[in-house]
N, C-alpha and C. Protein backbone atom coordinates (compact mmCIF):
# COMPACT_ATOMS: atom_id res chain seq x y z
N MET A 1 28.38 3.39 27.00
CA MET A 1 28.44 4.00 25.68
C MET A 1 27.01 4.12 25.18
N ASP A 2 26.63 5.26 24.61
CA ASP A 2 25.27 5.45 24.12
C ASP A 2 25.14 4.89 22.70
N ILE A 3 23.88 4.70 22.23
CA ILE A 3 23.62 4.07 20.95
C ILE A 3 24.21 4.86 19.79
N GLY A 4 24.20 6.17 19.90
CA GLY A 4 24.77 7.02 18.82
C GLY A 4 26.25 6.73 18.61
N ARG A 5 26.98 6.60 19.70
CA ARG A 5 28.41 6.26 19.58
C ARG A 5 28.66 4.88 19.04
N ILE A 6 27.79 3.94 19.40
CA ILE A 6 27.94 2.57 18.91
C ILE A 6 27.72 2.56 17.40
N ILE A 7 26.64 3.21 16.95
CA ILE A 7 26.35 3.26 15.52
C ILE A 7 27.46 3.98 14.77
N GLY A 8 27.95 5.08 15.32
CA GLY A 8 29.06 5.79 14.70
C GLY A 8 30.33 4.92 14.56
N ALA A 9 30.62 4.16 15.62
CA ALA A 9 31.78 3.26 15.61
C ALA A 9 31.61 2.19 14.56
N VAL A 10 30.45 1.64 14.43
CA VAL A 10 30.21 0.57 13.43
C VAL A 10 30.37 1.18 12.04
N ILE A 11 29.83 2.33 11.76
CA ILE A 11 29.95 2.96 10.45
C ILE A 11 31.40 3.28 10.16
N LEU A 12 32.12 3.85 11.11
CA LEU A 12 33.53 4.18 10.93
C LEU A 12 34.32 2.89 10.66
N GLY A 13 34.05 1.85 11.42
CA GLY A 13 34.77 0.59 11.20
C GLY A 13 34.51 0.03 9.85
N ALA A 14 33.29 0.08 9.37
CA ALA A 14 32.98 -0.42 8.05
C ALA A 14 33.68 0.42 6.98
N PHE A 15 33.75 1.71 7.18
CA PHE A 15 34.45 2.59 6.22
C PHE A 15 35.89 2.28 6.17
N ILE A 16 36.52 2.10 7.33
CA ILE A 16 37.98 1.79 7.40
C ILE A 16 38.24 0.44 6.73
N ALA A 17 37.41 -0.56 7.04
CA ALA A 17 37.60 -1.89 6.45
C ALA A 17 37.44 -1.82 4.90
N THR A 18 36.47 -1.08 4.45
CA THR A 18 36.30 -0.95 3.00
C THR A 18 37.46 -0.25 2.36
N SER A 19 37.91 0.84 3.00
CA SER A 19 39.02 1.61 2.45
C SER A 19 40.28 0.82 2.39
N ALA A 20 40.54 -0.02 3.42
CA ALA A 20 41.73 -0.83 3.51
C ALA A 20 41.82 -1.84 2.37
N HIS A 21 40.65 -2.22 1.83
CA HIS A 21 40.65 -3.23 0.76
C HIS A 21 40.59 -2.59 -0.61
N GLY A 22 40.85 -1.29 -0.70
CA GLY A 22 40.93 -0.59 -1.98
C GLY A 22 39.57 -0.44 -2.67
N ALA A 23 38.52 -0.35 -1.92
CA ALA A 23 37.22 -0.20 -2.56
C ALA A 23 37.06 1.21 -3.14
N GLU A 24 36.21 1.33 -4.13
CA GLU A 24 35.92 2.61 -4.73
C GLU A 24 35.27 3.52 -3.70
N PRO A 25 35.48 4.83 -3.81
CA PRO A 25 34.78 5.74 -2.88
C PRO A 25 33.29 5.73 -3.20
N MET A 26 32.49 5.99 -2.19
CA MET A 26 31.07 5.96 -2.35
C MET A 26 30.59 7.04 -3.32
N LYS A 27 29.68 6.71 -4.20
CA LYS A 27 29.10 7.65 -5.14
C LYS A 27 27.83 8.27 -4.52
N PRO A 28 27.38 9.40 -5.01
CA PRO A 28 26.17 10.00 -4.48
C PRO A 28 24.98 9.04 -4.72
N LEU A 29 24.05 9.02 -3.82
CA LEU A 29 22.85 8.20 -3.95
C LEU A 29 22.06 8.63 -5.15
N ALA A 30 21.44 7.72 -5.83
CA ALA A 30 20.59 8.03 -6.99
C ALA A 30 19.44 8.93 -6.56
N SER A 31 18.98 8.75 -5.29
CA SER A 31 17.84 9.55 -4.81
C SER A 31 18.14 11.06 -4.81
N GLU A 32 19.44 11.38 -4.80
CA GLU A 32 19.78 12.79 -4.78
C GLU A 32 19.59 13.43 -6.19
N ALA A 33 19.55 12.61 -7.21
CA ALA A 33 19.38 13.10 -8.58
C ALA A 33 18.03 12.84 -9.18
N ILE A 34 17.37 11.78 -8.75
CA ILE A 34 16.08 11.39 -9.30
C ILE A 34 14.96 12.00 -8.51
N ARG A 35 14.02 12.64 -9.19
CA ARG A 35 12.87 13.21 -8.52
C ARG A 35 11.65 12.40 -8.93
N MET A 36 10.99 11.84 -7.96
CA MET A 36 9.76 11.07 -8.24
C MET A 36 8.54 11.96 -8.01
N LYS A 37 7.58 11.93 -8.93
CA LYS A 37 6.37 12.70 -8.80
C LYS A 37 5.24 11.90 -8.17
N LYS A 38 5.17 10.61 -8.50
CA LYS A 38 4.01 9.84 -8.10
C LYS A 38 4.30 8.37 -8.41
N ALA A 39 3.65 7.47 -7.64
CA ALA A 39 3.69 6.03 -7.94
C ALA A 39 2.27 5.54 -7.94
N THR A 40 1.92 4.77 -8.94
CA THR A 40 0.55 4.28 -9.10
C THR A 40 0.59 2.74 -9.32
N PRO A 41 -0.03 1.98 -8.42
CA PRO A 41 -0.06 0.54 -8.61
C PRO A 41 -0.97 0.17 -9.78
N ILE A 42 -0.61 -0.88 -10.53
CA ILE A 42 -1.45 -1.43 -11.56
C ILE A 42 -1.77 -2.87 -11.12
N LEU A 43 -3.03 -3.11 -10.90
CA LEU A 43 -3.48 -4.45 -10.48
C LEU A 43 -3.97 -5.24 -11.72
N PHE A 44 -3.44 -6.41 -11.89
CA PHE A 44 -3.88 -7.30 -13.00
C PHE A 44 -5.04 -8.12 -12.49
N VAL A 45 -6.16 -8.05 -13.18
CA VAL A 45 -7.39 -8.68 -12.71
C VAL A 45 -8.10 -9.36 -13.90
N ASP A 46 -8.98 -10.32 -13.57
CA ASP A 46 -9.77 -10.95 -14.64
C ASP A 46 -10.93 -10.11 -15.10
N ASN A 47 -11.46 -9.26 -14.17
CA ASN A 47 -12.65 -8.47 -14.53
C ASN A 47 -12.42 -7.02 -14.02
N VAL A 48 -11.98 -6.17 -14.94
CA VAL A 48 -11.66 -4.75 -14.57
C VAL A 48 -12.87 -4.04 -14.02
N GLN A 49 -14.02 -4.25 -14.65
CA GLN A 49 -15.24 -3.55 -14.18
C GLN A 49 -15.56 -3.91 -12.75
N GLN A 50 -15.43 -5.21 -12.42
CA GLN A 50 -15.77 -5.64 -11.07
C GLN A 50 -14.79 -5.05 -10.04
N SER A 51 -13.49 -5.10 -10.32
CA SER A 51 -12.52 -4.56 -9.37
C SER A 51 -12.64 -3.05 -9.23
N ALA A 52 -12.75 -2.34 -10.37
CA ALA A 52 -12.92 -0.90 -10.29
C ALA A 52 -14.19 -0.53 -9.58
N GLY A 53 -15.26 -1.30 -9.84
CA GLY A 53 -16.54 -1.08 -9.16
C GLY A 53 -16.45 -1.22 -7.68
N PHE A 54 -15.65 -2.18 -7.19
CA PHE A 54 -15.47 -2.33 -5.72
C PHE A 54 -14.88 -1.06 -5.15
N PHE A 55 -13.84 -0.51 -5.78
CA PHE A 55 -13.17 0.66 -5.29
C PHE A 55 -14.13 1.87 -5.35
N ILE A 56 -14.98 1.95 -6.35
CA ILE A 56 -15.90 3.04 -6.52
C ILE A 56 -17.04 2.93 -5.53
N GLU A 57 -17.69 1.79 -5.49
CA GLU A 57 -18.90 1.62 -4.70
C GLU A 57 -18.61 1.47 -3.20
N GLN A 58 -17.55 0.79 -2.83
CA GLN A 58 -17.32 0.55 -1.40
C GLN A 58 -16.29 1.49 -0.79
N LEU A 59 -15.36 2.04 -1.58
CA LEU A 59 -14.32 2.83 -0.98
C LEU A 59 -14.36 4.29 -1.43
N GLY A 60 -15.33 4.68 -2.25
CA GLY A 60 -15.52 6.09 -2.59
C GLY A 60 -14.57 6.63 -3.64
N PHE A 61 -13.95 5.77 -4.48
CA PHE A 61 -13.08 6.23 -5.55
C PHE A 61 -13.93 6.71 -6.73
N THR A 62 -13.30 7.43 -7.64
CA THR A 62 -13.97 7.90 -8.86
C THR A 62 -13.18 7.39 -10.04
N LYS A 63 -13.88 6.88 -11.07
CA LYS A 63 -13.20 6.39 -12.28
C LYS A 63 -12.75 7.56 -13.11
N THR A 64 -11.49 7.52 -13.55
CA THR A 64 -10.94 8.61 -14.34
C THR A 64 -10.58 8.17 -15.77
N ILE A 65 -10.29 6.92 -15.94
CA ILE A 65 -9.91 6.38 -17.23
C ILE A 65 -10.59 5.03 -17.44
N GLU A 66 -11.08 4.79 -18.64
CA GLU A 66 -11.52 3.44 -18.99
C GLU A 66 -11.26 3.18 -20.44
N VAL A 67 -10.76 1.97 -20.72
CA VAL A 67 -10.46 1.57 -22.10
C VAL A 67 -11.28 0.32 -22.33
N PRO A 68 -12.34 0.43 -23.18
CA PRO A 68 -13.21 -0.73 -23.44
C PRO A 68 -12.55 -1.70 -24.44
N TYR A 69 -13.00 -2.92 -24.40
CA TYR A 69 -12.70 -3.91 -25.42
C TYR A 69 -13.86 -4.93 -25.45
N GLU A 70 -13.74 -5.97 -26.23
CA GLU A 70 -14.89 -6.84 -26.49
C GLU A 70 -15.54 -7.42 -25.24
N ARG A 71 -14.83 -7.59 -24.15
CA ARG A 71 -15.37 -8.25 -22.94
C ARG A 71 -15.71 -7.24 -21.82
N GLY A 72 -15.73 -6.01 -22.13
CA GLY A 72 -16.02 -4.99 -21.06
C GLY A 72 -14.94 -3.94 -21.06
N LEU A 73 -14.16 -3.94 -19.99
CA LEU A 73 -13.06 -2.99 -19.88
C LEU A 73 -11.73 -3.70 -19.91
N GLN A 74 -10.82 -3.17 -20.73
CA GLN A 74 -9.48 -3.69 -20.81
C GLN A 74 -8.62 -3.04 -19.70
N PHE A 75 -8.90 -1.78 -19.40
CA PHE A 75 -8.11 -1.00 -18.46
C PHE A 75 -8.98 0.06 -17.85
N ALA A 76 -8.69 0.39 -16.58
CA ALA A 76 -9.40 1.50 -15.93
C ALA A 76 -8.51 2.05 -14.84
N ALA A 77 -8.75 3.30 -14.48
CA ALA A 77 -8.06 3.95 -13.37
C ALA A 77 -9.09 4.61 -12.48
N VAL A 78 -8.83 4.54 -11.20
CA VAL A 78 -9.72 5.18 -10.22
C VAL A 78 -8.86 6.05 -9.30
N VAL A 79 -9.47 7.12 -8.75
CA VAL A 79 -8.74 7.98 -7.83
C VAL A 79 -9.61 8.31 -6.63
N HIS A 80 -8.94 8.64 -5.52
CA HIS A 80 -9.56 9.10 -4.30
C HIS A 80 -8.54 10.02 -3.66
N GLY A 81 -8.75 11.34 -3.79
CA GLY A 81 -7.74 12.25 -3.31
C GLY A 81 -6.46 12.09 -4.12
N ASP A 82 -5.35 11.91 -3.41
CA ASP A 82 -4.05 11.72 -4.07
C ASP A 82 -3.76 10.27 -4.42
N VAL A 83 -4.68 9.36 -4.10
CA VAL A 83 -4.48 7.92 -4.32
C VAL A 83 -5.06 7.52 -5.66
N GLU A 84 -4.25 6.92 -6.51
CA GLU A 84 -4.69 6.43 -7.80
C GLU A 84 -4.34 4.95 -7.94
N ILE A 85 -5.24 4.17 -8.48
CA ILE A 85 -5.05 2.75 -8.72
C ILE A 85 -5.49 2.44 -10.15
N MET A 86 -4.73 1.62 -10.87
CA MET A 86 -5.08 1.24 -12.23
C MET A 86 -5.32 -0.27 -12.25
N PHE A 87 -6.18 -0.70 -13.21
CA PHE A 87 -6.52 -2.09 -13.34
C PHE A 87 -6.32 -2.49 -14.83
N GLN A 88 -5.70 -3.60 -15.06
CA GLN A 88 -5.45 -4.13 -16.41
C GLN A 88 -6.06 -5.52 -16.51
N ALA A 89 -6.83 -5.76 -17.56
CA ALA A 89 -7.45 -7.07 -17.78
C ALA A 89 -6.40 -8.11 -18.10
N SER A 90 -6.54 -9.29 -17.49
CA SER A 90 -5.52 -10.32 -17.68
C SER A 90 -5.58 -11.00 -19.02
N ASP A 91 -6.67 -10.88 -19.74
CA ASP A 91 -6.79 -11.59 -21.02
C ASP A 91 -6.60 -10.70 -22.21
N SER A 92 -6.08 -9.48 -22.00
CA SER A 92 -5.91 -8.55 -23.16
C SER A 92 -4.44 -8.31 -23.37
N ALA A 93 -3.94 -8.84 -24.49
CA ALA A 93 -2.51 -8.61 -24.81
C ALA A 93 -2.37 -7.17 -25.33
N ASP A 94 -1.24 -6.60 -25.01
CA ASP A 94 -0.91 -5.29 -25.56
C ASP A 94 0.58 -5.26 -25.86
N GLU A 95 1.11 -4.11 -26.23
CA GLU A 95 2.49 -4.03 -26.59
C GLU A 95 3.41 -4.24 -25.36
N THR A 96 2.89 -4.01 -24.19
CA THR A 96 3.71 -4.12 -22.98
C THR A 96 3.80 -5.53 -22.43
N PHE A 97 2.68 -6.24 -22.35
CA PHE A 97 2.62 -7.56 -21.77
C PHE A 97 1.82 -8.51 -22.67
N SER A 98 2.28 -9.74 -22.77
CA SER A 98 1.51 -10.76 -23.48
C SER A 98 0.35 -11.20 -22.58
N THR A 99 -0.59 -11.92 -23.17
CA THR A 99 -1.72 -12.44 -22.39
C THR A 99 -1.24 -13.36 -21.25
N ASP A 100 -0.28 -14.20 -21.56
CA ASP A 100 0.26 -15.12 -20.53
C ASP A 100 0.95 -14.38 -19.39
N GLU A 101 1.71 -13.32 -19.73
CA GLU A 101 2.37 -12.53 -18.73
C GLU A 101 1.35 -11.86 -17.81
N LEU A 102 0.27 -11.32 -18.38
CA LEU A 102 -0.74 -10.67 -17.57
C LEU A 102 -1.46 -11.68 -16.69
N ALA A 103 -1.83 -12.82 -17.24
CA ALA A 103 -2.55 -13.85 -16.45
C ALA A 103 -1.72 -14.33 -15.29
N ALA A 104 -0.42 -14.39 -15.43
CA ALA A 104 0.45 -14.86 -14.33
C ALA A 104 0.47 -13.86 -13.21
N ARG A 105 0.07 -12.65 -13.41
CA ARG A 105 0.11 -11.61 -12.36
C ARG A 105 -1.20 -11.40 -11.65
N VAL A 106 -2.28 -12.03 -12.07
CA VAL A 106 -3.59 -11.79 -11.52
C VAL A 106 -3.58 -12.14 -10.05
N GLY A 107 -4.08 -11.24 -9.22
CA GLY A 107 -4.26 -11.47 -7.80
C GLY A 107 -2.97 -11.47 -7.01
N GLN A 108 -1.88 -10.98 -7.57
CA GLN A 108 -0.62 -10.96 -6.84
C GLN A 108 -0.27 -9.61 -6.23
N GLY A 109 -1.18 -8.61 -6.42
CA GLY A 109 -0.89 -7.29 -5.87
C GLY A 109 -1.22 -7.18 -4.41
N PHE A 110 -0.59 -6.22 -3.76
CA PHE A 110 -0.81 -5.93 -2.34
C PHE A 110 -0.67 -4.46 -2.18
N ILE A 111 -1.71 -3.79 -1.71
CA ILE A 111 -1.65 -2.31 -1.49
C ILE A 111 -1.96 -2.08 -0.01
N TYR A 112 -1.12 -1.23 0.58
CA TYR A 112 -1.28 -0.87 2.02
C TYR A 112 -1.75 0.58 2.06
N PHE A 113 -2.87 0.82 2.63
CA PHE A 113 -3.43 2.17 2.77
C PHE A 113 -3.37 2.66 4.18
N GLU A 114 -2.93 3.87 4.37
CA GLU A 114 -3.00 4.51 5.68
C GLU A 114 -4.30 5.32 5.67
N ILE A 115 -5.14 5.16 6.71
CA ILE A 115 -6.45 5.77 6.76
C ILE A 115 -6.62 6.58 8.02
N ASP A 116 -7.67 7.41 8.05
CA ASP A 116 -7.99 8.22 9.22
C ASP A 116 -9.01 7.59 10.11
N ASP A 117 -10.03 6.92 9.52
CA ASP A 117 -11.15 6.42 10.31
C ASP A 117 -11.26 4.90 10.11
N PHE A 118 -10.82 4.17 11.10
CA PHE A 118 -10.75 2.73 11.02
C PHE A 118 -12.15 2.09 10.97
N ASP A 119 -13.06 2.55 11.81
CA ASP A 119 -14.40 2.00 11.84
C ASP A 119 -15.12 2.21 10.49
N GLU A 120 -14.86 3.36 9.85
CA GLU A 120 -15.48 3.62 8.58
C GLU A 120 -14.98 2.65 7.52
N ILE A 121 -13.72 2.32 7.49
CA ILE A 121 -13.19 1.40 6.48
C ILE A 121 -13.64 -0.03 6.76
N VAL A 122 -13.78 -0.43 8.00
CA VAL A 122 -14.29 -1.74 8.33
C VAL A 122 -15.69 -1.88 7.82
N ALA A 123 -16.52 -0.85 7.99
CA ALA A 123 -17.90 -0.90 7.49
C ALA A 123 -17.89 -0.92 5.98
N ALA A 124 -17.03 -0.16 5.32
CA ALA A 124 -16.98 -0.02 3.86
C ALA A 124 -16.60 -1.37 3.21
N VAL A 125 -15.76 -2.16 3.81
CA VAL A 125 -15.29 -3.38 3.21
C VAL A 125 -16.11 -4.60 3.64
N ARG A 126 -17.17 -4.37 4.37
CA ARG A 126 -18.03 -5.50 4.84
C ARG A 126 -18.51 -6.25 3.60
N GLY A 127 -18.40 -7.55 3.70
CA GLY A 127 -18.79 -8.43 2.57
C GLY A 127 -17.62 -8.86 1.72
N ALA A 128 -16.49 -8.18 1.82
CA ALA A 128 -15.27 -8.62 1.11
C ALA A 128 -14.67 -9.80 1.81
N GLU A 129 -13.91 -10.59 1.07
CA GLU A 129 -13.17 -11.68 1.70
C GLU A 129 -12.10 -11.11 2.67
N ILE A 130 -12.15 -11.57 3.90
CA ILE A 130 -11.19 -11.14 4.91
C ILE A 130 -9.96 -12.01 4.84
N VAL A 131 -8.80 -11.38 4.73
CA VAL A 131 -7.52 -12.07 4.72
C VAL A 131 -6.99 -12.13 6.15
N LYS A 132 -7.12 -11.02 6.88
CA LYS A 132 -6.77 -10.92 8.28
C LYS A 132 -7.77 -10.00 8.97
N ASP A 133 -8.47 -10.48 9.95
CA ASP A 133 -9.46 -9.72 10.65
C ASP A 133 -8.94 -8.44 11.24
N ALA A 134 -9.84 -7.53 11.52
CA ALA A 134 -9.50 -6.29 12.17
C ALA A 134 -8.74 -6.65 13.51
N HIS A 135 -7.64 -5.97 13.73
CA HIS A 135 -6.80 -6.25 14.91
C HIS A 135 -5.96 -5.05 15.25
N GLU A 136 -5.39 -5.08 16.44
CA GLU A 136 -4.46 -4.04 16.80
C GLU A 136 -3.06 -4.68 16.89
N THR A 137 -2.11 -3.99 16.29
CA THR A 137 -0.73 -4.49 16.22
C THR A 137 0.01 -4.21 17.52
N ALA A 138 1.17 -4.82 17.63
CA ALA A 138 2.01 -4.61 18.81
C ALA A 138 2.50 -3.14 18.85
N TYR A 139 2.54 -2.49 17.70
CA TYR A 139 2.97 -1.10 17.63
C TYR A 139 1.84 -0.10 17.66
N GLY A 140 0.63 -0.58 18.02
CA GLY A 140 -0.51 0.31 18.27
C GLY A 140 -1.34 0.69 17.06
N SER A 141 -1.09 0.10 15.93
CA SER A 141 -1.88 0.40 14.73
C SER A 141 -3.07 -0.53 14.65
N LYS A 142 -4.22 -0.05 14.19
CA LYS A 142 -5.38 -0.88 13.91
C LYS A 142 -5.34 -1.20 12.44
N GLU A 143 -5.47 -2.51 12.11
CA GLU A 143 -5.31 -2.93 10.72
C GLU A 143 -6.35 -4.00 10.37
N ILE A 144 -6.69 -4.06 9.09
CA ILE A 144 -7.54 -5.10 8.49
C ILE A 144 -7.04 -5.33 7.09
N TYR A 145 -7.07 -6.62 6.68
CA TYR A 145 -6.61 -6.96 5.32
C TYR A 145 -7.74 -7.77 4.66
N ILE A 146 -8.04 -7.34 3.43
CA ILE A 146 -9.12 -7.96 2.65
C ILE A 146 -8.59 -8.32 1.26
N ARG A 147 -9.42 -9.09 0.52
CA ARG A 147 -9.09 -9.36 -0.89
C ARG A 147 -10.19 -8.72 -1.72
N GLU A 148 -9.77 -7.90 -2.69
CA GLU A 148 -10.73 -7.25 -3.62
C GLU A 148 -11.13 -8.29 -4.64
N PRO A 149 -12.19 -8.02 -5.41
CA PRO A 149 -12.74 -9.05 -6.36
C PRO A 149 -11.71 -9.67 -7.33
N GLY A 150 -10.63 -8.92 -7.65
CA GLY A 150 -9.63 -9.44 -8.58
C GLY A 150 -8.58 -10.32 -7.89
N GLY A 151 -8.68 -10.49 -6.60
CA GLY A 151 -7.79 -11.37 -5.84
C GLY A 151 -6.63 -10.64 -5.17
N ASN A 152 -6.45 -9.37 -5.39
CA ASN A 152 -5.37 -8.60 -4.77
C ASN A 152 -5.70 -8.28 -3.33
N VAL A 153 -4.69 -8.22 -2.48
CA VAL A 153 -4.88 -7.96 -1.05
C VAL A 153 -4.75 -6.44 -0.81
N LEU A 154 -5.71 -5.95 -0.01
CA LEU A 154 -5.70 -4.53 0.39
C LEU A 154 -5.57 -4.48 1.91
N GLY A 155 -4.59 -3.79 2.41
CA GLY A 155 -4.46 -3.59 3.84
C GLY A 155 -4.81 -2.17 4.16
N PHE A 156 -5.54 -1.99 5.26
CA PHE A 156 -5.96 -0.65 5.70
C PHE A 156 -5.48 -0.48 7.15
N ALA A 157 -4.82 0.62 7.45
CA ALA A 157 -4.24 0.82 8.78
C ALA A 157 -4.51 2.23 9.31
N LYS A 158 -4.97 2.29 10.54
CA LYS A 158 -5.03 3.55 11.26
C LYS A 158 -3.93 3.51 12.29
N HIS A 159 -2.93 4.32 12.03
CA HIS A 159 -1.76 4.36 12.86
C HIS A 159 -2.08 5.02 14.23
N ALA A 160 -1.35 4.60 15.25
CA ALA A 160 -1.59 5.16 16.58
C ALA A 160 -1.30 6.65 16.57
N ASP A 161 -2.11 7.40 17.29
CA ASP A 161 -1.93 8.87 17.33
C ASP A 161 -0.75 9.26 18.20
């Protein structure tokens, strides 16, 4: 029996079992109705200028938004092509998050980037804290993981051609 028939049999069996127990019919997936335009990570950091500066100086991003406050920048956004990343200061309370809520999120972000030139990115992140050295995965991807100045982990991967 081929894998397609096995998967079909499992799905049919699950459908029959569910129907036998009087379950509601399946509703359309939300993804059929919701249209997403873009997703932008917001990294909570202690020093917005330092984290945004890392992306600008080492990774070639451009700053598009900055919101100053008494200690420097409260918020900033950077872009590189279609990739946008935002930074929020951990010690600035606003209507959305309290200071304690922001501080609890510092350094907990993780962003995975797919890249074209692995050697170029390894050179660009030289000097950053290495979380996982440059390596080749079992599935043929070249990857490196670093920590940006705000403590968030950035993964860069060149997928196998």
